[in-house]
Amino acid sequence: MKEYKVITWKMGMTKNEARLEETLNLYSREGWDVTHISENSARIVFERDKNR
């Protein structure tokens, strides 16, 4: 079974790329995989196995 997490990316004035990379790496270490990044709504969808 899969579980999903949706976050809304809040863009700032500086270091957007570095903050995004840090956020993606943080969730990756927790076992989450990115399944979708929406350009227009700034939402990122993550997926992982629930019974890991």
C-alpha atoms as a PDB file:
ATOM      1  CA  MET A   1       0.000   0.000   0.000  1.00  0.00           C
ATOM      2  CA  LYS A   2       1.196   3.507  -0.814  1.00  0.00           C
ATOM      3  CA  GLU A   3       0.888   6.705   1.151  1.00  0.00           C
ATOM      4  CA  TYR A   4       1.134  10.208  -0.235  1.00  0.00           C
ATOM      5  CA  LYS A   5       2.202  13.626   0.999  1.00  0.00           C
ATOM      6  CA  VAL A   6       1.408  16.934  -0.721  1.00  0.00           C
ATOM      7  CA  ILE A   7       3.294  20.087   0.169  1.00  0.00           C
ATOM      8  CA  THR A   8       2.873  23.611  -1.124  1.00  0.00           C
ATOM      9  CA  TRP A   9       6.173  25.171  -2.058  1.00  0.00           C
ATOM     10  CA  LYS A  10       6.495  28.747  -0.819  1.00  0.00           C
ATOM     11  CA  MET A  11       8.805  30.689  -3.057  1.00  0.00           C
ATOM     12  CA  GLY A  12      10.901  33.359  -1.422  1.00  0.00           C
ATOM     13  CA  MET A  13      12.983  36.172  -2.738  1.00  0.00           C
ATOM     14  CA  THR A  14      16.360  34.412  -2.486  1.00  0.00           C
ATOM     15  CA  LYS A  15      17.929  30.961  -2.610  1.00  0.00           C
ATOM     16  CA  ASN A  16      14.814  29.257  -4.018  1.00  0.00           C
ATOM     17  CA  GLU A  17      16.771  26.527  -5.798  1.00  0.00           C
ATOM     18  CA  ALA A  18      18.918  25.739  -2.753  1.00  0.00           C
ATOM     19  CA  ARG A  19      15.880  25.617  -0.455  1.00  0.00           C
ATOM     20  CA  LEU A  20      13.980  23.401  -2.907  1.00  0.00           C
ATOM     21  CA  GLU A  21      16.922  21.012  -3.179  1.00  0.00           C
ATOM     22  CA  GLU A  22      17.238  20.883   0.611  1.00  0.00           C
ATOM     23  CA  THR A  23      13.510  20.142   0.974  1.00  0.00           C
ATOM     24  CA  LEU A  24      13.573  17.381  -1.649  1.00  0.00           C
ATOM     25  CA  ASN A  25      16.621  15.770  -0.036  1.00  0.00           C
ATOM     26  CA  LEU A  26      14.983  15.919   3.400  1.00  0.00           C
ATOM     27  CA  TYR A  27      11.892  14.027   2.231  1.00  0.00           C
ATOM     28  CA  SER A  28      14.048  11.608   0.257  1.00  0.00           C
ATOM     29  CA  ARG A  29      15.954  10.645   3.408  1.00  0.00           C
ATOM     30  CA  GLU A  30      12.562   9.842   4.986  1.00  0.00           C
ATOM     31  CA  GLY A  31      11.794   7.441   2.122  1.00  0.00           C
ATOM     32  CA  TRP A  32       9.585   9.726   0.003  1.00  0.00           C
ATOM     33  CA  ASP A  33       9.819   9.791  -3.812  1.00  0.00           C
ATOM     34  CA  VAL A  34       8.632  12.773  -5.856  1.00  0.00           C
ATOM     35  CA  THR A  35       5.793  11.794  -8.175  1.00  0.00           C
ATOM     36  CA  HIS A  36       4.732  15.230  -9.402  1.00  0.00           C
ATOM     37  CA  ILE A  37       5.837  18.852  -9.253  1.00  0.00           C
ATOM     38  CA  SER A  38       3.180  21.307 -10.412  1.00  0.00           C
ATOM     39  CA  GLU A  39       4.539  24.453 -12.009  1.00  0.00           C
ATOM     40  CA  ASN A  40       1.404  26.568 -11.731  1.00  0.00           C
ATOM     41  CA  SER A  41       0.254  25.779  -8.194  1.00  0.00           C
ATOM     42  CA  ALA A  42       3.686  25.168  -6.597  1.00  0.00           C
ATOM     43  CA  ARG A  43       2.612  21.807  -5.175  1.00  0.00           C
ATOM     44  CA  ILE A  44       4.883  18.791  -4.810  1.00  0.00           C
ATOM     45  CA  VAL A  45       3.453  15.272  -4.453  1.00  0.00           C
ATOM     46  CA  PHE A  46       5.501  12.571  -2.710  1.00  0.00           C
ATOM     47  CA  GLU A  47       4.857   8.825  -2.488  1.00  0.00           C
ATOM     48  CA  ARG A  48       6.276   5.973  -0.409  1.00  0.00           C
ATOM     49  CA  ASP A  49       5.362   2.464   0.701  1.00  0.00           C
ATOM     50  CA  LYS A  50       3.249   2.614   3.840  1.00  0.00           C
ATOM     51  CA  ASN A  51       4.535  -0.682   5.267  1.00  0.00           C
ATOM     52  CA  ARG A  52       8.261  -0.129   4.952  1.00  0.00           C
END
